[in-house]
Every structure is written in C-alpha cells, then in structure tokens.
Amino acid sequence: MNDNSGMQKITIFQQNGSGENKIAGVREYGDEIIKLEIISIDDVLPLLIEDTGEYLPGNISADLVLDFLKHQDLSQDLVALCAKMEIPIISSGKKILNKWVMTPPT
C-alpha cells in the first residue's frame, strides 16, 4: 500500500468516459477500502501517437492501474510505464504481453 490509511490506491485511465461504469461500481462497492485517482483523456487523438508523454504522466503512485484507454499507443506506453514502476495493470480485452499486465477477455 502507498500510505498508512489501509486503503488500496487504484489509478484509472479512461478515454472519453470509457471507464465510467466500472468507476461507478468501484465507488459503490469499494468506497471504504479503495482510493481512486481518475485520469481522463478526452482529446481527439491522431491514429498514431509517437510521443504519449503529452497524455500520460511521467510517474504513477498506485497499488494497481486499470486501463480503459481505447488508443493502442496509449495503452502500450501505459503498460511500459507501469512495468518500469513495478505496478500491476489490468488492460481488459487488449493483446499486450508483459509480466506486469493482465489482459482478461471482455
């Protein structure tokens, strides 16, 4: 855990509201044990993003990251950042290979 509150910190990355239903569920059922940080990317994005630094933070402080991004370049670089920081990440329905990412089917 990142602090002494006993709460798990989950950072959620979403694009154009893509994680809102899941966020609502976490808030409803885990509000007392989970602290959420929501990072929303709502810009119109090009098909190819060579430098995702404009959209992704350089540092993440979380126990777990949930990836609801739709743009593959953002998801790929988010997974690489989480791996570098040794933070587990769940990227549902994506085809990304890395020991730090879980990609359950949707």
PDB file of N, CA and C in Angstrom:
ATOM      1  N   MET A   1       0.835  -1.174   0.000  1.00  0.00           N
ATOM      2  CA  MET A   1       0.000   0.000   0.000  1.00  0.00           C
ATOM      3  C   MET A   1       0.888   1.250   0.000  1.00  0.00           C
ATOM      4  N   ASN A   2       0.384   2.315  -0.568  1.00  0.00           N
ATOM      5  CA  ASN A   2       1.165   3.527  -0.691  1.00  0.00           C
ATOM      6  C   ASN A   2       1.080   4.440   0.526  1.00  0.00           C
ATOM      7  N   ASP A   3       0.144   4.241   1.424  1.00  0.00           N
ATOM      8  CA  ASP A   3       0.032   5.092   2.595  1.00  0.00           C
ATOM      9  C   ASP A   3      -0.446   4.259   3.771  1.00  0.00           C
ATOM     10  N   ASN A   4      -0.605   4.897   4.905  1.00  0.00           N
ATOM     11  CA  ASN A   4      -0.985   4.182   6.115  1.00  0.00           C
ATOM     12  C   ASN A   4      -2.489   4.119   6.344  1.00  0.00           C
ATOM     13  N   SER A   5      -3.278   4.577   5.413  1.00  0.00           N
ATOM     14  CA  SER A   5      -4.724   4.618   5.606  1.00  0.00           C
ATOM     15  C   SER A   5      -5.373   3.248   5.524  1.00  0.00           C
ATOM     16  N   GLY A   6      -4.655   2.265   5.035  1.00  0.00           N
ATOM     17  CA  GLY A   6      -5.231   0.947   4.852  1.00  0.00           C
ATOM     18  C   GLY A   6      -6.039   0.818   3.579  1.00  0.00           C
ATOM     19  N   MET A   7      -6.126   1.893   2.817  1.00  0.00           N
ATOM     20  CA  MET A   7      -6.884   1.868   1.567  1.00  0.00           C
ATOM     21  C   MET A   7      -5.957   1.525   0.404  1.00  0.00           C
ATOM     22  N   GLN A   8      -6.476   0.769  -0.524  1.00  0.00           N
ATOM     23  CA  GLN A   8      -5.734   0.480  -1.744  1.00  0.00           C
ATOM     24  C   GLN A   8      -5.933   1.647  -2.704  1.00  0.00           C
ATOM     25  N   LYS A   9      -4.841   2.093  -3.332  1.00  0.00           N
ATOM     26  CA  LYS A   9      -4.946   3.188  -4.296  1.00  0.00           C
ATOM     27  C   LYS A   9      -4.956   2.608  -5.704  1.00  0.00           C
ATOM     28  N   ILE A  10      -6.019   2.909  -6.416  1.00  0.00           N
ATOM     29  CA  ILE A  10      -6.174   2.470  -7.800  1.00  0.00           C
ATOM     30  C   ILE A  10      -6.231   3.705  -8.692  1.00  0.00           C
ATOM     31  N   THR A  11      -5.385   3.719  -9.705  1.00  0.00           N
ATOM     32  CA  THR A  11      -5.421   4.786 -10.694  1.00  0.00           C
ATOM     33  C   THR A  11      -6.081   4.233 -11.943  1.00  0.00           C
ATOM     34  N   ILE A  12      -7.086   4.935 -12.432  1.00  0.00           N
ATOM     35  CA  ILE A  12      -7.840   4.508 -13.607  1.00  0.00           C
ATOM     36  C   ILE A  12      -7.584   5.485 -14.741  1.00  0.00           C
ATOM     37  N   PHE A  13      -7.185   4.937 -15.884  1.00  0.00           N
ATOM     38  CA  PHE A  13      -7.023   5.722 -17.095  1.00  0.00           C
ATOM     39  C   PHE A  13      -8.198   5.402 -18.004  1.00  0.00           C
ATOM     40  N   GLN A  14      -8.895   6.448 -18.430  1.00  0.00           N
ATOM     41  CA  GLN A  14     -10.027   6.253 -19.327  1.00  0.00           C
ATOM     42  C   GLN A  14      -9.955   7.262 -20.459  1.00  0.00           C
ATOM     43  N   GLN A  15     -10.648   6.932 -21.523  1.00  0.00           N
ATOM     44  CA  GLN A  15     -10.692   7.792 -22.710  1.00  0.00           C
ATOM     45  C   GLN A  15     -12.141   8.026 -23.082  1.00  0.00           C
ATOM     46  N   ASN A  16     -12.546   9.294 -23.094  1.00  0.00           N
ATOM     47  CA  ASN A  16     -13.908   9.683 -23.465  1.00  0.00           C
ATOM     48  C   ASN A  16     -14.965   8.918 -22.665  1.00  0.00           C
ATOM     49  N   GLY A  17     -14.751   8.811 -21.349  1.00  0.00           N
ATOM     50  CA  GLY A  17     -15.740   8.179 -20.468  1.00  0.00           C
ATOM     51  C   GLY A  17     -15.791   6.671 -20.529  1.00  0.00           C
ATOM     52  N   SER A  18     -14.784   6.026 -21.138  1.00  0.00           N
ATOM     53  CA  SER A  18     -14.823   4.583 -21.358  1.00  0.00           C
ATOM     54  C   SER A  18     -14.806   3.742 -20.083  1.00  0.00           C
ATOM     55  N   GLY A  19     -14.445   4.321 -18.949  1.00  0.00           N
ATOM     56  CA  GLY A  19     -14.411   3.556 -17.716  1.00  0.00           C
ATOM     57  C   GLY A  19     -15.465   3.961 -16.700  1.00  0.00           C
ATOM     58  N   GLU A  20     -16.378   4.829 -17.081  1.00  0.00           N
ATOM     59  CA  GLU A  20     -17.334   5.390 -16.121  1.00  0.00           C
ATOM     60  C   GLU A  20     -18.187   4.334 -15.418  1.00  0.00           C
ATOM     61  N   ASN A  21     -18.644   3.318 -16.123  1.00  0.00           N
ATOM     62  CA  ASN A  21     -19.456   2.276 -15.473  1.00  0.00           C
ATOM     63  C   ASN A  21     -18.649   1.517 -14.434  1.00  0.00           C
ATOM     64  N   LYS A  22     -17.402   1.198 -14.755  1.00  0.00           N
ATOM     65  CA  LYS A  22     -16.542   0.480 -13.804  1.00  0.00           C
ATOM     66  C   LYS A  22     -16.199   1.375 -12.616  1.00  0.00           C
ATOM     67  N   ILE A  23     -15.935   2.654 -12.889  1.00  0.00           N
ATOM     68  CA  ILE A  23     -15.633   3.600 -11.820  1.00  0.00           C
ATOM     69  C   ILE A  23     -16.815   3.701 -10.865  1.00  0.00           C
ATOM     70  N   ALA A  24     -18.014   3.773 -11.404  1.00  0.00           N
ATOM     71  CA  ALA A  24     -19.217   3.839 -10.564  1.00  0.00           C
ATOM     72  C   ALA A  24     -19.336   2.590  -9.692  1.00  0.00           C
ATOM     73  N   GLY A  25     -19.024   1.433 -10.252  1.00  0.00           N
ATOM     74  CA  GLY A  25     -19.078   0.187  -9.480  1.00  0.00           C
ATOM     75  C   GLY A  25     -18.064   0.153  -8.355  1.00  0.00           C
ATOM     76  N   VAL A  26     -16.833   0.597  -8.645  1.00  0.00           N
ATOM     77  CA  VAL A  26     -15.807   0.641  -7.601  1.00  0.00           C
ATOM     78  C   VAL A  26     -16.224   1.611  -6.500  1.00  0.00           C
ATOM     79  N   ARG A  27     -16.768   2.740  -6.885  1.00  0.00           N
ATOM     80  CA  ARG A  27     -17.214   3.717  -5.881  1.00  0.00           C
ATOM     81  C   ARG A  27     -18.361   3.160  -5.030  1.00  0.00           C
ATOM     82  N   GLU A  28     -19.258   2.441  -5.668  1.00  0.00           N
ATOM     83  CA  GLU A  28     -20.414   1.900  -4.935  1.00  0.00           C
ATOM     84  C   GLU A  28     -20.007   0.791  -3.971  1.00  0.00           C
ATOM     85  N   TYR A  29     -19.136  -0.117  -4.412  1.00  0.00           N
ATOM     86  CA  TYR A  29     -18.833  -1.296  -3.606  1.00  0.00           C
ATOM     87  C   TYR A  29     -17.491  -1.248  -2.882  1.00  0.00           C
ATOM     88  N   GLY A  30     -16.613  -0.313  -3.250  1.00  0.00           N
ATOM     89  CA  GLY A  30     -15.293  -0.295  -2.632  1.00  0.00           C
ATOM     90  C   GLY A  30     -14.892   1.035  -2.051  1.00  0.00           C
ATOM     91  N   ASP A  31     -15.832   1.937  -1.899  1.00  0.00           N
ATOM     92  CA  ASP A  31     -15.525   3.301  -1.482  1.00  0.00           C
ATOM     93  C   ASP A  31     -14.781   3.377  -0.151  1.00  0.00           C
ATOM     94  N   GLU A  32     -15.035   2.440   0.744  1.00  0.00           N
ATOM     95  CA  GLU A  32     -14.408   2.492   2.066  1.00  0.00           C
ATOM     96  C   GLU A  32     -13.018   1.872   2.094  1.00  0.00           C
ATOM     97  N   ILE A  33     -12.644   1.125   1.064  1.00  0.00           N
ATOM     98  CA  ILE A  33     -11.334   0.459   1.071  1.00  0.00           C
ATOM     99  C   ILE A  33     -10.458   0.827  -0.125  1.00  0.00           C
ATOM    100  N   ILE A  34     -11.011   1.565  -1.085  1.00  0.00           N
ATOM    101  CA  ILE A  34     -10.276   1.906  -2.300  1.00  0.00           C
ATOM    102  C   ILE A  34     -10.282   3.416  -2.506  1.00  0.00           C
ATOM    103  N   LYS A  35      -9.101   3.965  -2.703  1.00  0.00           N
ATOM    104  CA  LYS A  35      -8.959   5.374  -3.059  1.00  0.00           C
ATOM    105  C   LYS A  35      -8.700   5.432  -4.563  1.00  0.00           C
ATOM    106  N   LEU A  36      -9.546   6.165  -5.279  1.00  0.00           N
ATOM    107  CA  LEU A  36      -9.439   6.243  -6.733  1.00  0.00           C
ATOM    108  C   LEU A  36      -8.769   7.533  -7.181  1.00  0.00           C
ATOM    109  N   GLU A  37      -7.948   7.404  -8.213  1.00  0.00           N
ATOM    110  CA  GLU A  37      -7.464   8.552  -8.968  1.00  0.00           C
ATOM    111  C   GLU A  37      -7.882   8.300 -10.410  1.00  0.00           C
ATOM    112  N   ILE A  38      -8.584   9.233 -10.999  1.00  0.00           N
ATOM    113  CA  ILE A  38      -9.087   9.077 -12.364  1.00  0.00           C
ATOM    114  C   ILE A  38      -8.305  10.006 -13.280  1.00  0.00           C
ATOM    115  N   ILE A  39      -7.752   9.447 -14.336  1.00  0.00           N
ATOM    116  CA  ILE A  39      -7.086  10.244 -15.358  1.00  0.00           C
ATOM    117  C   ILE A  39      -7.872  10.050 -16.645  1.00  0.00           C
ATOM    118  N   SER A  40      -8.501  11.132 -17.094  1.00  0.00           N
ATOM    119  CA  SER A  40      -9.345  11.081 -18.291  1.00  0.00           C
ATOM    120  C   SER A  40      -8.656  11.785 -19.446  1.00  0.00           C
ATOM    121  N   ILE A  41      -8.637  11.109 -20.575  1.00  0.00           N
ATOM    122  CA  ILE A  41      -8.101  11.679 -21.809  1.00  0.00           C
ATOM    123  C   ILE A  41      -9.277  11.810 -22.758  1.00  0.00           C
ATOM    124  N   ASP A  42      -9.679  13.050 -22.999  1.00  0.00           N
ATOM    125  CA  ASP A  42     -10.878  13.298 -23.793  1.00  0.00           C
ATOM    126  C   ASP A  42     -10.575  14.034 -25.097  1.00  0.00           C
ATOM    127  N   ASP A  43      -9.293  14.158 -25.433  1.00  0.00           N
ATOM    128  CA  ASP A  43      -8.905  14.847 -26.663  1.00  0.00           C
ATOM    129  C   ASP A  43      -9.195  13.992 -27.889  1.00  0.00           C
ATOM    130  N   VAL A  44      -9.372  14.637 -29.018  1.00  0.00           N
ATOM    131  CA  VAL A  44      -9.409  13.919 -30.293  1.00  0.00           C
ATOM    132  C   VAL A  44      -7.965  13.552 -30.598  1.00  0.00           C
ATOM    133  N   LEU A  45      -7.699  12.279 -30.804  1.00  0.00           N
ATOM    134  CA  LEU A  45      -6.326  11.802 -30.947  1.00  0.00           C
ATOM    135  C   LEU A  45      -6.021  11.389 -32.383  1.00  0.00           C
ATOM    136  N   PRO A  46      -4.770  11.560 -32.795  1.00  0.00           N
ATOM    137  CA  PRO A  46      -4.376  11.075 -34.116  1.00  0.00           C
ATOM    138  C   PRO A  46      -4.330   9.544 -34.120  1.00  0.00           C
ATOM    139  N   LEU A  47      -4.310   8.948 -35.303  1.00  0.00           N
ATOM    140  CA  LEU A  47      -4.244   7.493 -35.402  1.00  0.00           C
ATOM    141  C   LEU A  47      -2.955   6.941 -34.807  1.00  0.00           C
ATOM    142  N   LEU A  48      -1.862   7.670 -34.951  1.00  0.00           N
ATOM    143  CA  LEU A  48      -0.565   7.248 -34.428  1.00  0.00           C
ATOM    144  C   LEU A  48      -0.052   8.311 -33.471  1.00  0.00           C
ATOM    145  N   ILE A  49       0.309   7.893 -32.268  1.00  0.00           N
ATOM    146  CA  ILE A  49       0.894   8.809 -31.288  1.00  0.00           C
ATOM    147  C   ILE A  49       2.315   8.329 -31.038  1.00  0.00           C
ATOM    148  N   GLU A  50       3.296   9.074 -31.539  1.00  0.00           N
ATOM    149  CA  GLU A  50       4.691   8.679 -31.348  1.00  0.00           C
ATOM    150  C   GLU A  50       5.178   9.009 -29.946  1.00  0.00           C
ATOM    151  N   ASP A  51       4.733  10.138 -29.388  1.00  0.00           N
ATOM    152  CA  ASP A  51       5.145  10.541 -28.045  1.00  0.00           C
ATOM    153  C   ASP A  51       3.898  10.679 -27.183  1.00  0.00           C
ATOM    154  N   THR A  52       3.658   9.698 -26.342  1.00  0.00           N
ATOM    155  CA  THR A  52       2.456   9.712 -25.500  1.00  0.00           C
ATOM    156  C   THR A  52       2.650  10.540 -24.234  1.00  0.00           C
ATOM    157  N   GLY A  53       3.828  11.135 -24.058  1.00  0.00           N
ATOM    158  CA  GLY A  53       4.114  11.946 -22.883  1.00  0.00           C
ATOM    159  C   GLY A  53       3.185  13.126 -22.700  1.00  0.00           C
ATOM    160  N   GLU A  54       2.576  13.572 -23.778  1.00  0.00           N
ATOM    161  CA  GLU A  54       1.608  14.664 -23.692  1.00  0.00           C
ATOM    162  C   GLU A  54       0.321  14.223 -22.983  1.00  0.00           C
ATOM    163  N   TYR A  55       0.050  12.926 -23.002  1.00  0.00           N
ATOM    164  CA  TYR A  55      -1.206  12.404 -22.468  1.00  0.00           C
ATOM    165  C   TYR A  55      -1.033  11.585 -21.182  1.00  0.00           C
ATOM    166  N   LEU A  56       0.121  10.954 -21.015  1.00  0.00           N
ATOM    167  CA  LEU A  56       0.361  10.101 -19.860  1.00  0.00           C
ATOM    168  C   LEU A  56       1.307  10.781 -18.883  1.00  0.00           C
ATOM    169  N   PRO A  57       1.121  10.549 -17.579  1.00  0.00           N
ATOM    170  CA  PRO A  57       2.035  11.147 -16.612  1.00  0.00           C
ATOM    171  C   PRO A  57       3.404  10.468 -16.667  1.00  0.00           C
ATOM    172  N   GLY A  58       4.399  11.138 -16.144  1.00  0.00           N
ATOM    173  CA  GLY A  58       5.737  10.552 -16.091  1.00  0.00           C
ATOM    174  C   GLY A  58       5.922   9.645 -14.896  1.00  0.00           C
ATOM    175  N   ASN A  59       5.003   9.745 -13.934  1.00  0.00           N
ATOM    176  CA  ASN A  59       5.106   8.976 -12.703  1.00  0.00           C
ATOM    177  C   ASN A  59       3.699   8.603 -12.237  1.00  0.00           C
ATOM    178  N   ILE A  60       3.575   7.402 -11.698  1.00  0.00           N
ATOM    179  CA  ILE A  60       2.288   6.945 -11.162  1.00  0.00           C
ATOM    180  C   ILE A  60       2.536   6.423  -9.754  1.00  0.00           C
ATOM    181  N   SER A  61       1.686   6.803  -8.825  1.00  0.00           N
ATOM    182  CA  SER A  61       1.754   6.298  -7.462  1.00  0.00           C
ATOM    183  C   SER A  61       0.441   5.557  -7.192  1.00  0.00           C
ATOM    184  N   ALA A  62       0.479   4.249  -7.335  1.00  0.00           N
ATOM    185  CA  ALA A  62      -0.740   3.445  -7.167  1.00  0.00           C
ATOM    186  C   ALA A  62      -0.363   2.010  -6.815  1.00  0.00           C
ATOM    187  N   ASP A  63      -1.321   1.311  -6.247  1.00  0.00           N
ATOM    188  CA  ASP A  63      -1.159  -0.121  -5.990  1.00  0.00           C
ATOM    189  C   ASP A  63      -1.573  -0.943  -7.208  1.00  0.00           C
ATOM    190  N   LEU A  64      -2.457  -0.367  -8.023  1.00  0.00           N
ATOM    191  CA  LEU A  64      -2.989  -1.033  -9.203  1.00  0.00           C
ATOM    192  C   LEU A  64      -3.443   0.024 -10.191  1.00  0.00           C
ATOM    193  N   VAL A  65      -3.249  -0.252 -11.476  1.00  0.00           N
ATOM    194  CA  VAL A  65      -3.722   0.638 -12.539  1.00  0.00           C
ATOM    195  C   VAL A  65      -4.735  -0.130 -13.380  1.00  0.00           C
ATOM    196  N   LEU A  66      -5.836   0.533 -13.704  1.00  0.00           N
ATOM    197  CA  LEU A  66      -6.835  -0.026 -14.612  1.00  0.00           C
ATOM    198  C   LEU A  66      -6.795   0.787 -15.899  1.00  0.00           C
ATOM    199  N   ASP A  67      -6.686   0.106 -17.019  1.00  0.00           N
ATOM    200  CA  ASP A  67      -6.557   0.745 -18.333  1.00  0.00           C
ATOM    201  C   ASP A  67      -7.857   0.579 -19.108  1.00  0.00           C
ATOM    202  N   PHE A  68      -8.581   1.683 -19.268  1.00  0.00           N
ATOM    203  CA  PHE A  68      -9.773   1.710 -20.113  1.00  0.00           C
ATOM    204  C   PHE A  68      -9.547   2.617 -21.318  1.00  0.00           C
ATOM    205  N   LEU A  69      -8.278   2.795 -21.687  1.00  0.00           N
ATOM    206  CA  LEU A  69      -7.949   3.614 -22.853  1.00  0.00           C
ATOM    207  C   LEU A  69      -8.304   2.860 -24.124  1.00  0.00           C
ATOM    208  N   LYS A  70      -8.720   3.588 -25.133  1.00  0.00           N
ATOM    209  CA  LYS A  70      -9.083   2.972 -26.405  1.00  0.00           C
ATOM    210  C   LYS A  70      -7.937   3.011 -27.403  1.00  0.00           C
ATOM    211  N   HIS A  71      -7.043   3.972 -27.250  1.00  0.00           N
ATOM    212  CA  HIS A  71      -5.937   4.139 -28.197  1.00  0.00           C
ATOM    213  C   HIS A  71      -4.813   3.175 -27.834  1.00  0.00           C
ATOM    214  N   GLN A  72      -4.448   2.316 -28.761  1.00  0.00           N
ATOM    215  CA  GLN A  72      -3.450   1.276 -28.504  1.00  0.00           C
ATOM    216  C   GLN A  72      -2.088   1.853 -28.128  1.00  0.00           C
ATOM    217  N   ASP A  73      -1.680   2.963 -28.738  1.00  0.00           N
ATOM    218  CA  ASP A  73      -0.385   3.562 -28.399  1.00  0.00           C
ATOM    219  C   ASP A  73      -0.358   4.004 -26.938  1.00  0.00           C
ATOM    220  N   LEU A  74      -1.456   4.573 -26.457  1.00  0.00           N
ATOM    221  CA  LEU A  74      -1.529   4.995 -25.059  1.00  0.00           C
ATOM    222  C   LEU A  74      -1.472   3.787 -24.131  1.00  0.00           C
ATOM    223  N   SER A  75      -2.227   2.747 -24.449  1.00  0.00           N
ATOM    224  CA  SER A  75      -2.229   1.541 -23.613  1.00  0.00           C
ATOM    225  C   SER A  75      -0.851   0.890 -23.572  1.00  0.00           C
ATOM    226  N   GLN A  76      -0.221   0.790 -24.726  1.00  0.00           N
ATOM    227  CA  GLN A  76       1.104   0.163 -24.798  1.00  0.00           C
ATOM    228  C   GLN A  76       2.113   0.912 -23.925  1.00  0.00           C
ATOM    229  N   ASP A  77       2.130   2.227 -24.018  1.00  0.00           N
ATOM    230  CA  ASP A  77       3.075   3.016 -23.232  1.00  0.00           C
ATOM    231  C   ASP A  77       2.693   3.053 -21.755  1.00  0.00           C
ATOM    232  N   LEU A  78       1.411   2.993 -21.449  1.00  0.00           N
ATOM    233  CA  LEU A  78       0.978   2.924 -20.060  1.00  0.00           C
ATOM    234  C   LEU A  78       1.458   1.624 -19.427  1.00  0.00           C
ATOM    235  N   VAL A  79       1.349   0.526 -20.140  1.00  0.00           N
ATOM    236  CA  VAL A  79       1.840  -0.758 -19.637  1.00  0.00           C
ATOM    237  C   VAL A  79       3.354  -0.688 -19.414  1.00  0.00           C
ATOM    238  N   ALA A  80       4.086  -0.088 -20.346  1.00  0.00           N
ATOM    239  CA  ALA A  80       5.541   0.029 -20.205  1.00  0.00           C
ATOM    240  C   ALA A  80       5.892   0.870 -18.973  1.00  0.00           C
ATOM    241  N   LEU A  81       5.150   1.949 -18.741  1.00  0.00           N
ATOM    242  CA  LEU A  81       5.386   2.797 -17.574  1.00  0.00           C
ATOM    243  C   LEU A  81       5.105   2.027 -16.285  1.00  0.00           C
ATOM    244  N   CYS A  82       4.004   1.298 -16.260  1.00  0.00           N
ATOM    245  CA  CYS A  82       3.671   0.509 -15.071  1.00  0.00           C
ATOM    246  C   CYS A  82       4.708  -0.579 -14.817  1.00  0.00           C
ATOM    247  N   ALA A  83       5.202  -1.208 -15.867  1.00  0.00           N
ATOM    248  CA  ALA A  83       6.232  -2.236 -15.715  1.00  0.00           C
ATOM    249  C   ALA A  83       7.506  -1.621 -15.134  1.00  0.00           C
ATOM    250  N   LYS A  84       7.868  -0.470 -15.646  1.00  0.00           N
ATOM    251  CA  LYS A  84       9.057   0.231 -15.154  1.00  0.00           C
ATOM    252  C   LYS A  84       8.919   0.559 -13.667  1.00  0.00           C
ATOM    253  N   MET A  85       7.709   0.910 -13.251  1.00  0.00           N
ATOM    254  CA  MET A  85       7.457   1.288 -11.861  1.00  0.00           C
ATOM    255  C   MET A  85       7.011   0.096 -11.006  1.00  0.00           C
ATOM    256  N   GLU A  86       6.929  -1.089 -11.628  1.00  0.00           N
ATOM    257  CA  GLU A  86       6.516  -2.326 -10.959  1.00  0.00           C
ATOM    258  C   GLU A  86       5.125  -2.211 -10.326  1.00  0.00           C
ATOM    259  N   ILE A  87       4.213  -1.636 -11.105  1.00  0.00           N
ATOM    260  CA  ILE A  87       2.813  -1.507 -10.686  1.00  0.00           C
ATOM    261  C   ILE A  87       1.978  -2.436 -11.562  1.00  0.00           C
ATOM    262  N   PRO A  88       1.230  -3.361 -10.978  1.00  0.00           N
ATOM    263  CA  PRO A  88       0.381  -4.221 -11.804  1.00  0.00           C
ATOM    264  C   PRO A  88      -0.706  -3.398 -12.505  1.00  0.00           C
ATOM    265  N   ILE A  89      -1.042  -3.837 -13.701  1.00  0.00           N
ATOM    266  CA  ILE A  89      -2.039  -3.126 -14.513  1.00  0.00           C
ATOM    267  C   ILE A  89      -2.990  -4.139 -15.134  1.00  0.00           C
ATOM    268  N   ILE A  90      -4.239  -3.779 -15.208  1.00  0.00           N
ATOM    269  CA  ILE A  90      -5.246  -4.597 -15.891  1.00  0.00           C
ATOM    270  C   ILE A  90      -5.699  -3.825 -17.120  1.00  0.00           C
ATOM    271  N   SER A  91      -5.508  -4.440 -18.281  1.00  0.00           N
ATOM    272  CA  SER A  91      -5.911  -3.857 -19.572  1.00  0.00           C
ATOM    273  C   SER A  91      -6.850  -4.842 -20.246  1.00  0.00           C
ATOM    274  N   SER A  92      -8.088  -4.815 -19.864  1.00  0.00           N
ATOM    275  CA  SER A  92      -9.072  -5.787 -20.349  1.00  0.00           C
ATOM    276  C   SER A  92      -9.215  -5.759 -21.858  1.00  0.00           C
ATOM    277  N   GLY A  93      -9.236  -6.963 -22.429  1.00  0.00           N
ATOM    278  CA  GLY A  93      -9.514  -7.108 -23.850  1.00  0.00           C
ATOM    279  C   GLY A  93      -8.388  -6.705 -24.780  1.00  0.00           C
ATOM    280  N   LYS A  94      -7.205  -6.402 -24.239  1.00  0.00           N
ATOM    281  CA  LYS A  94      -6.097  -5.969 -25.092  1.00  0.00           C
ATOM    282  C   LYS A  94      -5.103  -7.099 -25.268  1.00  0.00           C
ATOM    283  N   LYS A  95      -4.286  -6.983 -26.291  1.00  0.00           N
ATOM    284  CA  LYS A  95      -3.272  -8.000 -26.579  1.00  0.00           C
ATOM    285  C   LYS A  95      -1.895  -7.395 -26.337  1.00  0.00           C
ATOM    286  N   ILE A  96      -1.540  -7.285 -25.061  1.00  0.00           N
ATOM    287  CA  ILE A  96      -0.257  -6.724 -24.664  1.00  0.00           C
ATOM    288  C   ILE A  96       0.452  -7.772 -23.812  1.00  0.00           C
ATOM    289  N   LEU A  97       1.671  -8.101 -24.170  1.00  0.00           N
ATOM    290  CA  LEU A  97       2.421  -9.095 -23.423  1.00  0.00           C
ATOM    291  C   LEU A  97       3.447  -8.411 -22.530  1.00  0.00           C
ATOM    292  N   ASN A  98       3.321  -8.656 -21.235  1.00  0.00           N
ATOM    293  CA  ASN A  98       4.235  -8.101 -20.260  1.00  0.00           C
ATOM    294  C   ASN A  98       3.872  -8.752 -18.939  1.00  0.00           C
ATOM    295  N   LYS A  99       4.845  -9.085 -18.114  1.00  0.00           N
ATOM    296  CA  LYS A  99       4.526  -9.775 -16.859  1.00  0.00           C
ATOM    297  C   LYS A  99       3.740  -8.903 -15.877  1.00  0.00           C
ATOM    298  N   TRP A 100       3.703  -7.594 -16.085  1.00  0.00           N
ATOM    299  CA  TRP A 100       3.001  -6.693 -15.170  1.00  0.00           C
ATOM    300  C   TRP A 100       1.556  -6.456 -15.578  1.00  0.00           C
ATOM    301  N   VAL A 101       1.138  -6.936 -16.745  1.00  0.00           N
ATOM    302  CA  VAL A 101      -0.203  -6.655 -17.234  1.00  0.00           C
ATOM    303  C   VAL A 101      -1.047  -7.927 -17.269  1.00  0.00           C
ATOM    304  N   MET A 102      -2.303  -7.776 -16.856  1.00  0.00           N
ATOM    305  CA  MET A 102      -3.294  -8.841 -17.014  1.00  0.00           C
ATOM    306  C   MET A 102      -4.267  -8.362 -18.078  1.00  0.00           C
ATOM    307  N   THR A 103      -4.583  -9.215 -19.025  1.00  0.00           N
ATOM    308  CA  THR A 103      -5.459  -8.829 -20.128  1.00  0.00           C
ATOM    309  C   THR A 103      -6.635  -9.812 -20.227  1.00  0.00           C
ATOM    310  N   PRO A 104      -7.535  -9.764 -19.242  1.00  0.00           N
ATOM    311  CA  PRO A 104      -8.680 -10.676 -19.309  1.00  0.00           C
ATOM    312  C   PRO A 104      -9.582 -10.315 -20.490  1.00  0.00           C
ATOM    313  N   PRO A 105     -10.258 -11.327 -21.060  1.00  0.00           N
ATOM    314  CA  PRO A 105     -11.182 -11.032 -22.166  1.00  0.00           C
ATOM    315  C   PRO A 105     -12.367 -10.230 -21.651  1.00  0.00           C
ATOM    316  N   THR A 106     -12.947  -9.445 -22.547  1.00  0.00           N
ATOM    317  CA  THR A 106     -14.118  -8.657 -22.168  1.00  0.00           C
ATOM    318  C   THR A 106     -15.363  -9.308 -22.700  1.00  0.00           C
TER     319      THR A 106
END
